[in-house]
């Protein structure tokens, strides 16, 4: 069985493993529109009235550790959202839970196997200090819808091949969010999204299973 050390960011087995390959998914063009014009707005939208959401899929993360050495982490994830509380479960490719992160407005908690839970006020700092990298949980609540998060400026580029104006790229809070693929009808929503930032360097690939 492969054991994952997410603090080191690499599987604990002989030989280096690369990022999990995410299959390239082709967007089906629904209509032809003029070249999209990126828009920059101070967003004020909020989450829809639906308060419960769930996503399941695969992730791959490339980041630098405290010594500046590039590390990779990958596996599967389950995302449960209930109002303002998000529970994110990370699992290795064999299905074993490696970390459970819970984020709420008042507290963030991270649980590792056979260890006492660790609490903090900020989920990003908690993940960074414990796992070596931090997923942008608060932003993902909106970016997976897909839309820009509220209360900060965002630059959104629309998909020219979509007749409903869905985002092709969002730049916000130092992140670039590229929507690689959406689910084919009759399913809806994001299928494959890549996130990246320059400082500290971090690249995240998410493939959502519908």
N, C-alpha and C. Protein backbone atom coordinates (compact mmCIF):
# COMPACT_ATOMS: atom_id res chain seq x y z
N UNK A 1 0.85 -1.20 0.00
CA UNK A 1 0.00 0.00 0.00
C UNK A 1 0.88 1.24 0.00
N UNK A 2 0.52 2.26 -0.73
CA UNK A 2 1.26 3.49 -0.80
C UNK A 2 0.82 4.39 0.34
N UNK A 3 1.74 4.87 1.15
CA UNK A 3 1.42 5.82 2.21
C UNK A 3 1.87 7.20 1.75
N UNK A 4 1.06 8.22 1.99
CA UNK A 4 1.38 9.56 1.56
C UNK A 4 1.80 10.41 2.73
N UNK A 5 2.88 11.14 2.58
CA UNK A 5 3.31 12.12 3.56
C UNK A 5 3.06 13.49 2.95
N UNK A 6 1.91 14.10 3.23
CA UNK A 6 1.58 15.36 2.60
C UNK A 6 2.40 16.51 3.15
N UNK A 7 3.01 16.32 4.29
CA UNK A 7 3.91 17.37 4.76
C UNK A 7 5.14 17.46 3.87
N UNK A 8 5.61 16.29 3.40
CA UNK A 8 6.72 16.29 2.47
C UNK A 8 6.24 16.47 1.05
N UNK A 9 4.97 16.14 0.83
CA UNK A 9 4.39 16.35 -0.48
C UNK A 9 4.64 15.26 -1.47
N UNK A 10 5.20 14.11 -1.04
CA UNK A 10 5.49 13.04 -1.98
C UNK A 10 5.08 11.73 -1.37
N UNK A 11 4.70 10.73 -2.20
CA UNK A 11 4.37 9.41 -1.70
C UNK A 11 5.60 8.76 -1.07
N UNK A 12 5.40 8.00 -0.02
CA UNK A 12 6.49 7.33 0.66
C UNK A 12 6.68 5.95 0.06
N UNK A 13 7.23 5.91 -1.13
CA UNK A 13 7.59 4.64 -1.74
C UNK A 13 8.77 4.88 -2.66
N UNK A 14 9.44 3.83 -3.04
CA UNK A 14 10.65 3.94 -3.83
C UNK A 14 10.31 4.45 -5.23
N UNK A 15 11.09 5.41 -5.71
CA UNK A 15 10.87 5.95 -7.04
C UNK A 15 10.03 7.19 -6.98
N UNK A 16 10.28 8.11 -7.89
CA UNK A 16 9.52 9.36 -7.92
C UNK A 16 8.28 9.17 -8.75
N UNK A 17 7.21 9.77 -8.27
CA UNK A 17 5.95 9.73 -9.01
C UNK A 17 5.63 11.13 -9.50
N UNK A 18 5.20 11.25 -10.73
CA UNK A 18 4.81 12.55 -11.28
C UNK A 18 3.38 12.86 -10.98
N UNK A 19 2.95 13.97 -11.47
CA UNK A 19 1.54 14.36 -11.30
C UNK A 19 0.64 13.38 -12.02
N UNK A 20 -0.52 13.17 -11.46
CA UNK A 20 -1.52 12.34 -12.13
C UNK A 20 -1.93 13.03 -13.41
N UNK A 21 -1.95 12.27 -14.49
CA UNK A 21 -2.29 12.88 -15.78
C UNK A 21 -3.78 13.09 -15.87
N UNK A 22 -4.16 14.33 -16.12
CA UNK A 22 -5.58 14.65 -16.32
C UNK A 22 -5.86 14.60 -17.81
N UNK A 23 -6.80 13.75 -18.23
CA UNK A 23 -7.11 13.60 -19.65
C UNK A 23 -7.65 14.91 -20.20
N UNK A 24 -7.17 15.26 -21.40
CA UNK A 24 -7.64 16.49 -22.03
C UNK A 24 -9.08 16.30 -22.47
N UNK A 25 -9.93 17.24 -22.09
CA UNK A 25 -11.34 17.17 -22.40
C UNK A 25 -11.68 18.27 -23.39
N UNK A 26 -12.48 17.96 -24.40
CA UNK A 26 -12.77 18.89 -25.48
C UNK A 26 -14.08 19.60 -25.21
N UNK A 27 -14.05 20.91 -25.28
CA UNK A 27 -15.28 21.70 -25.11
C UNK A 27 -16.09 21.66 -26.40
N UNK A 28 -17.36 21.38 -26.26
CA UNK A 28 -18.25 21.38 -27.42
C UNK A 28 -18.74 22.79 -27.66
N UNK A 29 -18.53 23.32 -28.88
CA UNK A 29 -18.97 24.67 -29.18
C UNK A 29 -20.46 24.71 -29.46
N UNK A 30 -21.15 25.60 -28.75
CA UNK A 30 -22.59 25.72 -28.92
C UNK A 30 -22.95 26.84 -29.89
N UNK A 31 -22.16 27.90 -29.93
CA UNK A 31 -22.46 29.02 -30.81
C UNK A 31 -21.18 29.80 -31.01
N UNK A 32 -21.10 30.59 -32.07
CA UNK A 32 -19.94 31.40 -32.36
C UNK A 32 -20.23 32.83 -31.99
N UNK A 33 -19.36 33.41 -31.17
CA UNK A 33 -19.52 34.78 -30.76
C UNK A 33 -18.25 35.54 -31.09
N UNK A 34 -18.27 36.85 -30.95
CA UNK A 34 -17.10 37.66 -31.19
C UNK A 34 -16.05 37.38 -30.12
N UNK A 35 -14.80 37.77 -30.36
CA UNK A 35 -13.72 37.54 -29.42
C UNK A 35 -14.06 38.15 -28.07
N UNK A 36 -13.94 37.38 -26.98
CA UNK A 36 -14.38 37.90 -25.68
C UNK A 36 -13.52 39.04 -25.21
N UNK A 37 -14.11 39.98 -24.53
CA UNK A 37 -13.39 41.09 -23.93
C UNK A 37 -13.32 40.88 -22.44
N UNK A 38 -12.09 40.75 -21.89
CA UNK A 38 -12.00 40.56 -20.44
C UNK A 38 -12.61 41.74 -19.71
N UNK A 39 -13.28 41.45 -18.63
CA UNK A 39 -13.91 42.50 -17.84
C UNK A 39 -13.34 42.47 -16.43
N UNK A 40 -13.13 43.64 -15.89
CA UNK A 40 -12.64 43.76 -14.53
C UNK A 40 -13.70 44.42 -13.69
N UNK A 41 -14.12 43.75 -12.64
CA UNK A 41 -15.19 44.26 -11.79
C UNK A 41 -14.87 44.01 -10.34
N UNK A 42 -15.44 44.83 -9.50
CA UNK A 42 -15.43 44.57 -8.06
C UNK A 42 -16.68 43.77 -7.78
N UNK A 43 -16.55 42.45 -7.68
CA UNK A 43 -17.72 41.59 -7.63
C UNK A 43 -18.44 41.73 -6.31
N UNK A 44 -19.75 41.63 -6.38
CA UNK A 44 -20.57 41.70 -5.16
C UNK A 44 -21.57 40.57 -5.13
N UNK A 45 -21.41 39.60 -6.08
CA UNK A 45 -22.34 38.49 -6.10
C UNK A 45 -22.12 37.59 -4.89
N UNK A 46 -23.13 36.85 -4.52
CA UNK A 46 -23.03 35.94 -3.40
C UNK A 46 -23.43 34.55 -3.86
N UNK A 47 -23.23 33.57 -3.01
CA UNK A 47 -23.63 32.22 -3.34
C UNK A 47 -25.13 32.16 -3.54
N UNK A 48 -25.57 31.26 -4.40
CA UNK A 48 -26.99 31.12 -4.65
C UNK A 48 -27.70 30.62 -3.39
N UNK A 49 -29.01 30.61 -3.45
CA UNK A 49 -29.78 30.23 -2.27
C UNK A 49 -29.55 28.77 -1.88
N UNK A 50 -29.02 27.97 -2.80
CA UNK A 50 -28.69 26.58 -2.45
C UNK A 50 -27.53 26.59 -1.46
N UNK A 51 -27.72 25.96 -0.32
CA UNK A 51 -26.70 26.00 0.72
C UNK A 51 -25.91 24.72 0.84
N UNK A 52 -26.28 23.68 0.10
CA UNK A 52 -25.57 22.41 0.19
C UNK A 52 -25.04 22.03 -1.20
N UNK A 53 -23.75 21.76 -1.27
CA UNK A 53 -23.12 21.33 -2.52
C UNK A 53 -22.14 20.22 -2.22
N UNK A 54 -21.92 19.38 -3.22
CA UNK A 54 -20.97 18.28 -3.06
C UNK A 54 -20.24 18.08 -4.38
N UNK A 55 -18.92 17.91 -4.30
CA UNK A 55 -18.10 17.61 -5.47
C UNK A 55 -17.21 16.42 -5.13
N UNK A 56 -16.90 15.67 -6.14
CA UNK A 56 -15.96 14.55 -6.00
C UNK A 56 -15.09 14.51 -7.23
N UNK A 57 -13.80 14.25 -7.02
CA UNK A 57 -12.93 14.23 -8.19
C UNK A 57 -11.50 13.92 -7.83
N UNK A 58 -10.59 14.37 -8.69
CA UNK A 58 -9.16 14.12 -8.53
C UNK A 58 -8.40 15.44 -8.49
N UNK A 59 -7.28 15.45 -7.77
CA UNK A 59 -6.48 16.67 -7.69
C UNK A 59 -5.01 16.33 -7.92
N UNK A 60 -4.27 17.31 -8.41
CA UNK A 60 -2.82 17.22 -8.53
C UNK A 60 -2.26 18.60 -8.19
N UNK A 61 -1.28 18.62 -7.30
CA UNK A 61 -0.71 19.87 -6.81
C UNK A 61 0.80 19.85 -7.01
N UNK A 62 1.34 20.96 -7.54
CA UNK A 62 2.78 21.17 -7.64
C UNK A 62 3.13 22.41 -6.84
N UNK A 63 4.06 22.28 -5.89
CA UNK A 63 4.40 23.40 -5.02
C UNK A 63 5.86 23.28 -4.59
N UNK A 64 6.37 24.31 -3.96
CA UNK A 64 7.73 24.31 -3.43
C UNK A 64 7.68 24.16 -1.91
N UNK A 65 8.53 23.29 -1.38
CA UNK A 65 8.56 23.12 0.07
C UNK A 65 9.37 24.26 0.71
N UNK A 66 9.60 24.18 2.01
CA UNK A 66 10.27 25.26 2.73
C UNK A 66 11.72 25.45 2.30
N UNK A 67 12.31 24.42 1.69
CA UNK A 67 13.67 24.53 1.17
C UNK A 67 13.71 24.93 -0.29
N UNK A 68 12.54 25.20 -0.88
CA UNK A 68 12.47 25.60 -2.27
C UNK A 68 12.49 24.46 -3.25
N UNK A 69 12.39 23.23 -2.75
CA UNK A 69 12.38 22.05 -3.63
C UNK A 69 10.97 21.80 -4.13
N UNK A 70 10.83 21.56 -5.43
CA UNK A 70 9.51 21.32 -6.00
C UNK A 70 8.98 19.95 -5.57
N UNK A 71 7.74 19.94 -5.13
CA UNK A 71 7.08 18.72 -4.67
C UNK A 71 5.77 18.54 -5.42
N UNK A 72 5.32 17.29 -5.47
CA UNK A 72 4.04 16.96 -6.08
C UNK A 72 3.17 16.20 -5.08
N UNK A 73 1.91 16.47 -5.10
CA UNK A 73 0.93 15.71 -4.32
C UNK A 73 -0.29 15.49 -5.20
N UNK A 74 -0.86 14.31 -5.13
CA UNK A 74 -2.04 14.04 -5.93
C UNK A 74 -2.87 12.94 -5.32
N UNK A 75 -4.12 12.86 -5.75
CA UNK A 75 -5.03 11.85 -5.23
C UNK A 75 -6.46 12.20 -5.56
N UNK A 76 -7.37 11.81 -4.68
CA UNK A 76 -8.80 12.06 -4.88
C UNK A 76 -9.31 12.97 -3.76
N UNK A 77 -10.45 13.61 -4.02
CA UNK A 77 -11.00 14.48 -3.00
C UNK A 77 -12.52 14.39 -2.98
N UNK A 78 -13.08 14.67 -1.81
CA UNK A 78 -14.52 14.85 -1.63
C UNK A 78 -14.74 16.21 -0.98
N UNK A 79 -15.64 16.99 -1.56
CA UNK A 79 -15.93 18.34 -1.08
C UNK A 79 -17.40 18.38 -0.66
N UNK A 80 -17.65 18.72 0.61
CA UNK A 80 -19.00 18.86 1.12
C UNK A 80 -19.17 20.29 1.63
N UNK A 81 -20.15 20.98 1.12
CA UNK A 81 -20.40 22.37 1.48
C UNK A 81 -21.80 22.50 2.07
N UNK A 82 -21.88 23.01 3.27
CA UNK A 82 -23.16 23.20 3.95
C UNK A 82 -23.18 24.60 4.51
N UNK A 83 -23.85 25.51 3.81
CA UNK A 83 -23.84 26.90 4.20
C UNK A 83 -22.43 27.47 4.13
N UNK A 84 -21.95 28.02 5.24
CA UNK A 84 -20.62 28.61 5.29
C UNK A 84 -19.54 27.61 5.69
N UNK A 85 -19.90 26.36 5.89
CA UNK A 85 -18.94 25.34 6.32
C UNK A 85 -18.58 24.42 5.16
N UNK A 86 -17.28 24.25 4.95
CA UNK A 86 -16.77 23.37 3.90
C UNK A 86 -15.94 22.26 4.56
N UNK A 87 -16.20 21.02 4.17
CA UNK A 87 -15.39 19.89 4.61
C UNK A 87 -14.73 19.27 3.39
N UNK A 88 -13.41 19.24 3.38
CA UNK A 88 -12.64 18.74 2.26
C UNK A 88 -11.85 17.52 2.71
N UNK A 89 -12.14 16.37 2.10
CA UNK A 89 -11.43 15.13 2.42
C UNK A 89 -10.48 14.80 1.28
N UNK A 90 -9.20 14.63 1.60
CA UNK A 90 -8.18 14.26 0.62
C UNK A 90 -7.82 12.79 0.81
N UNK A 91 -7.73 12.05 -0.29
CA UNK A 91 -7.40 10.63 -0.23
C UNK A 91 -6.29 10.31 -1.23
N UNK A 92 -5.49 9.30 -0.90
CA UNK A 92 -4.47 8.89 -1.85
C UNK A 92 -5.11 8.05 -2.96
N UNK A 93 -4.36 7.72 -4.03
CA UNK A 93 -4.96 6.98 -5.14
C UNK A 93 -5.57 5.63 -4.77
N UNK A 94 -5.15 5.05 -3.65
CA UNK A 94 -5.71 3.78 -3.21
C UNK A 94 -6.98 3.95 -2.38
N UNK A 95 -7.35 5.21 -2.10
CA UNK A 95 -8.60 5.47 -1.40
C UNK A 95 -8.47 5.73 0.08
N UNK A 96 -7.27 5.67 0.64
CA UNK A 96 -7.10 5.93 2.07
C UNK A 96 -7.10 7.43 2.35
N UNK A 97 -7.79 7.83 3.40
CA UNK A 97 -7.86 9.24 3.76
C UNK A 97 -6.52 9.72 4.28
N UNK A 98 -6.03 10.83 3.73
CA UNK A 98 -4.77 11.40 4.16
C UNK A 98 -4.96 12.68 4.97
N UNK A 99 -6.07 13.39 4.75
CA UNK A 99 -6.34 14.61 5.51
C UNK A 99 -7.81 14.97 5.35
N UNK A 100 -8.36 15.56 6.41
CA UNK A 100 -9.71 16.11 6.38
C UNK A 100 -9.63 17.55 6.87
N UNK A 101 -10.05 18.47 6.03
CA UNK A 101 -10.01 19.89 6.37
C UNK A 101 -11.44 20.40 6.50
N UNK A 102 -11.73 21.07 7.59
CA UNK A 102 -13.04 21.68 7.80
C UNK A 102 -12.86 23.17 8.01
N UNK A 103 -13.56 23.97 7.20
CA UNK A 103 -13.45 25.42 7.27
C UNK A 103 -14.81 26.02 7.56
N UNK A 104 -14.88 26.84 8.61
CA UNK A 104 -16.09 27.58 8.94
C UNK A 104 -15.69 29.01 9.26
N UNK A 105 -16.66 29.94 9.35
CA UNK A 105 -16.29 31.33 9.63
C UNK A 105 -15.54 31.53 10.94
N UNK A 106 -15.74 30.65 11.91
CA UNK A 106 -15.13 30.85 13.22
C UNK A 106 -13.91 29.98 13.49
N UNK A 107 -13.73 28.90 12.71
CA UNK A 107 -12.66 27.95 13.03
C UNK A 107 -12.32 27.09 11.82
N UNK A 108 -11.03 26.75 11.71
CA UNK A 108 -10.57 25.79 10.71
C UNK A 108 -9.92 24.63 11.44
N UNK A 109 -10.21 23.41 10.99
CA UNK A 109 -9.68 22.21 11.63
C UNK A 109 -9.08 21.29 10.58
N UNK A 110 -7.94 20.70 10.90
CA UNK A 110 -7.31 19.74 10.00
C UNK A 110 -7.03 18.47 10.78
N UNK A 111 -7.46 17.35 10.22
CA UNK A 111 -7.28 16.05 10.84
C UNK A 111 -6.38 15.18 9.96
N UNK A 112 -5.35 14.60 10.58
CA UNK A 112 -4.47 13.66 9.91
C UNK A 112 -4.62 12.30 10.58
N UNK A 113 -4.40 11.21 9.85
CA UNK A 113 -4.54 9.88 10.44
C UNK A 113 -3.64 9.70 11.67
N UNK A 114 -4.23 9.18 12.74
CA UNK A 114 -3.50 8.84 13.96
C UNK A 114 -2.85 10.05 14.63
N UNK A 115 -3.43 11.23 14.41
CA UNK A 115 -2.93 12.44 15.07
C UNK A 115 -4.11 13.23 15.62
N UNK A 116 -3.83 14.06 16.62
CA UNK A 116 -4.85 14.92 17.17
C UNK A 116 -5.20 16.01 16.15
N UNK A 117 -6.47 16.41 16.07
CA UNK A 117 -6.86 17.50 15.16
C UNK A 117 -6.13 18.79 15.50
N UNK A 118 -5.82 19.57 14.48
CA UNK A 118 -5.15 20.85 14.65
C UNK A 118 -6.14 21.95 14.27
N UNK A 119 -6.25 22.98 15.11
CA UNK A 119 -7.19 24.06 14.89
C UNK A 119 -6.46 25.37 14.61
N UNK A 120 -7.11 26.23 13.84
CA UNK A 120 -6.59 27.56 13.55
C UNK A 120 -7.74 28.44 13.09
N UNK A 121 -7.50 29.74 13.06
CA UNK A 121 -8.54 30.66 12.59
C UNK A 121 -8.57 30.72 11.07
N UNK A 122 -7.43 30.47 10.42
CA UNK A 122 -7.30 30.63 8.98
C UNK A 122 -7.01 29.29 8.34
N UNK A 123 -7.89 28.86 7.41
CA UNK A 123 -7.72 27.54 6.80
C UNK A 123 -6.49 27.49 5.90
N UNK A 124 -6.15 28.60 5.23
CA UNK A 124 -4.98 28.60 4.35
C UNK A 124 -3.70 28.41 5.15
N UNK A 125 -3.56 29.16 6.26
CA UNK A 125 -2.37 29.01 7.09
C UNK A 125 -2.30 27.61 7.69
N UNK A 126 -3.45 27.07 8.06
CA UNK A 126 -3.48 25.74 8.66
C UNK A 126 -2.98 24.68 7.68
N UNK A 127 -3.46 24.74 6.43
CA UNK A 127 -3.03 23.77 5.43
C UNK A 127 -1.56 23.97 5.07
N UNK A 128 -1.14 25.23 4.92
CA UNK A 128 0.24 25.51 4.56
C UNK A 128 1.20 24.98 5.61
N UNK A 129 0.90 25.23 6.88
CA UNK A 129 1.80 24.83 7.95
C UNK A 129 1.79 23.32 8.19
N UNK A 130 0.68 22.66 7.85
CA UNK A 130 0.56 21.23 8.15
C UNK A 130 0.87 20.35 6.94
N UNK A 131 0.36 20.74 5.77
CA UNK A 131 0.52 19.91 4.57
C UNK A 131 1.64 20.37 3.66
N UNK A 132 2.03 21.64 3.81
CA UNK A 132 3.06 22.18 2.92
C UNK A 132 2.50 22.95 1.76
N UNK A 133 1.20 22.90 1.55
CA UNK A 133 0.52 23.67 0.51
C UNK A 133 -0.89 23.96 1.00
N UNK A 134 -1.53 24.96 0.39
CA UNK A 134 -2.88 25.35 0.80
C UNK A 134 -3.77 25.48 -0.42
N UNK A 135 -4.89 24.80 -0.41
CA UNK A 135 -5.90 24.99 -1.44
C UNK A 135 -6.74 26.22 -1.09
N UNK A 136 -7.09 27.03 -2.09
CA UNK A 136 -7.87 28.25 -1.82
C UNK A 136 -9.34 27.92 -1.57
N UNK A 137 -9.64 27.40 -0.39
CA UNK A 137 -10.98 26.89 -0.10
C UNK A 137 -12.05 27.96 -0.27
N UNK A 138 -11.81 29.15 0.28
CA UNK A 138 -12.83 30.19 0.22
C UNK A 138 -13.10 30.61 -1.21
N UNK A 139 -12.05 30.75 -2.02
CA UNK A 139 -12.26 31.11 -3.41
C UNK A 139 -12.93 30.01 -4.20
N UNK A 140 -12.57 28.75 -3.92
CA UNK A 140 -13.13 27.63 -4.66
C UNK A 140 -14.63 27.51 -4.48
N UNK A 141 -15.16 27.99 -3.36
CA UNK A 141 -16.61 27.95 -3.15
C UNK A 141 -17.34 28.65 -4.30
N UNK A 142 -16.70 29.67 -4.86
CA UNK A 142 -17.30 30.43 -5.95
C UNK A 142 -16.77 29.99 -7.30
N UNK A 143 -15.46 29.76 -7.38
CA UNK A 143 -14.86 29.44 -8.67
C UNK A 143 -15.39 28.13 -9.24
N UNK A 144 -15.83 27.20 -8.41
CA UNK A 144 -16.38 25.95 -8.91
C UNK A 144 -17.82 26.09 -9.40
N UNK A 145 -18.44 27.25 -9.20
CA UNK A 145 -19.85 27.39 -9.61
C UNK A 145 -20.10 27.44 -11.12
N UNK A 146 -19.43 28.19 -11.95
CA UNK A 146 -18.24 29.00 -11.76
C UNK A 146 -18.58 30.50 -11.76
N UNK A 147 -17.98 31.24 -10.85
CA UNK A 147 -18.13 32.69 -10.81
C UNK A 147 -17.00 33.26 -9.97
N UNK A 148 -16.80 34.58 -10.09
CA UNK A 148 -15.80 35.23 -9.26
C UNK A 148 -16.31 35.32 -7.83
N UNK A 149 -15.38 35.31 -6.90
CA UNK A 149 -15.74 35.47 -5.49
C UNK A 149 -16.13 36.92 -5.22
N UNK A 150 -16.98 37.16 -4.22
CA UNK A 150 -17.41 38.52 -3.93
C UNK A 150 -16.35 39.31 -3.16
N UNK A 151 -16.55 40.60 -3.15
CA UNK A 151 -15.79 41.52 -2.28
C UNK A 151 -14.33 41.69 -2.64
N UNK A 152 -13.93 41.33 -3.86
CA UNK A 152 -12.60 41.67 -4.36
C UNK A 152 -12.68 41.77 -5.88
N UNK A 153 -11.76 42.51 -6.45
CA UNK A 153 -11.80 42.74 -7.89
C UNK A 153 -11.41 41.48 -8.64
N UNK A 154 -12.06 41.27 -9.78
CA UNK A 154 -11.80 40.08 -10.60
C UNK A 154 -11.82 40.46 -12.07
N UNK A 155 -10.97 39.82 -12.84
CA UNK A 155 -10.94 39.98 -14.29
C UNK A 155 -11.44 38.68 -14.91
N UNK A 156 -12.57 38.74 -15.60
CA UNK A 156 -13.21 37.54 -16.13
C UNK A 156 -13.21 37.57 -17.66
N UNK A 157 -12.76 36.49 -18.26
CA UNK A 157 -12.83 36.31 -19.71
C UNK A 157 -13.87 35.24 -20.01
N UNK A 158 -14.82 35.57 -20.85
CA UNK A 158 -15.92 34.65 -21.17
C UNK A 158 -15.55 33.70 -22.30
N UNK A 159 -16.16 32.53 -22.30
CA UNK A 159 -15.94 31.52 -23.32
C UNK A 159 -16.64 31.94 -24.61
N UNK A 160 -15.90 32.16 -25.72
CA UNK A 160 -16.54 32.60 -26.96
C UNK A 160 -17.40 31.54 -27.61
N UNK A 161 -17.22 30.27 -27.22
CA UNK A 161 -17.97 29.18 -27.82
C UNK A 161 -19.15 28.75 -26.97
N UNK A 162 -19.51 29.57 -26.00
CA UNK A 162 -20.64 29.26 -25.14
C UNK A 162 -21.73 30.30 -25.32
N UNK A 163 -22.97 29.82 -25.47
CA UNK A 163 -24.08 30.77 -25.64
C UNK A 163 -24.64 31.26 -24.31
N UNK A 164 -24.06 30.80 -23.19
CA UNK A 164 -24.52 31.30 -21.90
C UNK A 164 -23.46 32.12 -21.19
N UNK A 165 -22.37 32.44 -21.91
CA UNK A 165 -21.37 33.34 -21.36
C UNK A 165 -20.60 32.79 -20.17
N UNK A 166 -20.40 31.49 -20.10
CA UNK A 166 -19.70 30.93 -18.95
C UNK A 166 -18.22 31.34 -18.99
N UNK A 167 -17.58 31.42 -17.83
CA UNK A 167 -16.19 31.89 -17.78
C UNK A 167 -15.22 30.93 -18.47
N UNK A 168 -14.24 31.52 -19.13
CA UNK A 168 -13.11 30.77 -19.65
C UNK A 168 -11.91 30.94 -18.74
N UNK A 169 -11.79 32.13 -18.15
CA UNK A 169 -10.69 32.40 -17.22
C UNK A 169 -11.10 33.49 -16.24
N UNK A 170 -10.69 33.33 -14.99
CA UNK A 170 -10.89 34.35 -13.97
C UNK A 170 -9.54 34.62 -13.32
N UNK A 171 -9.22 35.89 -13.14
CA UNK A 171 -8.03 36.29 -12.38
C UNK A 171 -8.50 37.06 -11.17
N UNK A 172 -8.12 36.56 -9.98
CA UNK A 172 -8.62 37.17 -8.75
C UNK A 172 -7.71 36.80 -7.58
N UNK A 173 -7.44 37.78 -6.74
CA UNK A 173 -6.69 37.56 -5.50
C UNK A 173 -5.36 36.85 -5.72
N UNK A 174 -4.69 37.17 -6.84
CA UNK A 174 -3.41 36.56 -7.14
C UNK A 174 -3.48 35.21 -7.82
N UNK A 175 -4.70 34.71 -8.04
CA UNK A 175 -4.90 33.42 -8.68
C UNK A 175 -5.36 33.59 -10.12
N UNK A 176 -4.92 32.67 -10.98
CA UNK A 176 -5.46 32.54 -12.34
C UNK A 176 -6.22 31.22 -12.40
N UNK A 177 -7.50 31.31 -12.71
CA UNK A 177 -8.37 30.13 -12.76
C UNK A 177 -8.74 29.88 -14.22
N UNK A 178 -8.24 28.80 -14.79
CA UNK A 178 -8.51 28.44 -16.19
C UNK A 178 -9.52 27.29 -16.23
N UNK A 179 -10.64 27.55 -16.90
CA UNK A 179 -11.67 26.52 -17.05
C UNK A 179 -11.37 25.73 -18.32
N UNK A 180 -10.80 24.54 -18.14
CA UNK A 180 -10.35 23.72 -19.27
C UNK A 180 -11.52 23.03 -19.94
N UNK A 181 -12.49 22.56 -19.16
CA UNK A 181 -13.62 21.82 -19.74
C UNK A 181 -14.82 21.91 -18.81
N UNK A 182 -15.99 21.91 -19.43
CA UNK A 182 -17.26 21.81 -18.72
C UNK A 182 -17.89 20.45 -19.04
N UNK A 183 -18.79 20.01 -18.17
CA UNK A 183 -19.44 18.72 -18.36
C UNK A 183 -20.33 18.76 -19.60
N UNK A 184 -20.38 17.64 -20.29
CA UNK A 184 -21.27 17.52 -21.46
C UNK A 184 -22.70 17.32 -21.01
N UNK A 185 -23.62 17.85 -21.80
CA UNK A 185 -25.05 17.67 -21.51
C UNK A 185 -25.38 16.17 -21.47
N UNK A 186 -26.32 15.74 -20.60
CA UNK A 186 -27.20 16.58 -19.79
C UNK A 186 -26.59 17.05 -18.48
N UNK A 187 -25.35 16.64 -18.17
CA UNK A 187 -24.71 17.12 -16.94
C UNK A 187 -24.36 18.60 -17.10
N UNK A 188 -24.15 19.27 -16.01
CA UNK A 188 -23.80 20.68 -16.02
C UNK A 188 -22.64 20.93 -15.07
N UNK A 189 -22.03 22.09 -15.20
CA UNK A 189 -20.99 22.48 -14.26
C UNK A 189 -19.59 22.26 -14.79
N UNK A 190 -18.63 22.62 -13.95
CA UNK A 190 -17.22 22.54 -14.29
C UNK A 190 -16.76 21.08 -14.28
N UNK A 191 -15.95 20.72 -15.27
CA UNK A 191 -15.39 19.38 -15.35
C UNK A 191 -13.90 19.36 -15.04
N UNK A 192 -13.17 20.33 -15.57
CA UNK A 192 -11.71 20.38 -15.39
C UNK A 192 -11.31 21.83 -15.24
N UNK A 193 -10.63 22.15 -14.14
CA UNK A 193 -10.19 23.52 -13.88
C UNK A 193 -8.76 23.49 -13.36
N UNK A 194 -7.94 24.43 -13.86
CA UNK A 194 -6.57 24.59 -13.39
C UNK A 194 -6.43 25.92 -12.67
N UNK A 195 -5.74 25.92 -11.54
CA UNK A 195 -5.51 27.13 -10.77
C UNK A 195 -4.00 27.30 -10.58
N UNK A 196 -3.54 28.54 -10.64
CA UNK A 196 -2.11 28.79 -10.46
C UNK A 196 -1.92 30.17 -9.85
N UNK A 197 -0.79 30.31 -9.14
CA UNK A 197 -0.37 31.61 -8.63
C UNK A 197 1.15 31.63 -8.66
N UNK A 198 1.71 32.85 -8.62
CA UNK A 198 3.15 33.01 -8.74
C UNK A 198 3.87 33.03 -7.41
N UNK A 199 3.23 33.57 -6.36
CA UNK A 199 3.92 33.74 -5.08
C UNK A 199 3.02 33.41 -3.91
N UNK A 200 3.36 32.37 -3.13
CA UNK A 200 4.39 31.38 -3.47
C UNK A 200 3.92 30.51 -4.63
N UNK A 201 4.83 29.94 -5.41
CA UNK A 201 4.43 29.17 -6.59
C UNK A 201 3.54 28.00 -6.22
N UNK A 202 2.44 27.88 -6.94
CA UNK A 202 1.51 26.78 -6.67
C UNK A 202 0.66 26.54 -7.91
N UNK A 203 0.56 25.29 -8.32
CA UNK A 203 -0.29 24.89 -9.43
C UNK A 203 -1.21 23.76 -8.96
N UNK A 204 -2.50 23.90 -9.28
CA UNK A 204 -3.50 22.93 -8.86
C UNK A 204 -4.33 22.51 -10.07
N UNK A 205 -4.48 21.22 -10.26
CA UNK A 205 -5.37 20.70 -11.29
C UNK A 205 -6.49 19.94 -10.61
N UNK A 206 -7.72 20.27 -10.97
CA UNK A 206 -8.89 19.59 -10.42
C UNK A 206 -9.72 19.03 -11.57
N UNK A 207 -10.04 17.75 -11.48
CA UNK A 207 -10.97 17.11 -12.43
C UNK A 207 -12.14 16.63 -11.60
N UNK A 208 -13.33 17.16 -11.90
CA UNK A 208 -14.53 16.81 -11.14
C UNK A 208 -15.27 15.68 -11.84
N UNK A 209 -15.63 14.67 -11.09
CA UNK A 209 -16.41 13.55 -11.62
C UNK A 209 -17.88 13.86 -11.40
N UNK A 210 -18.63 13.93 -12.48
CA UNK A 210 -20.05 14.28 -12.38
C UNK A 210 -20.89 13.04 -12.07
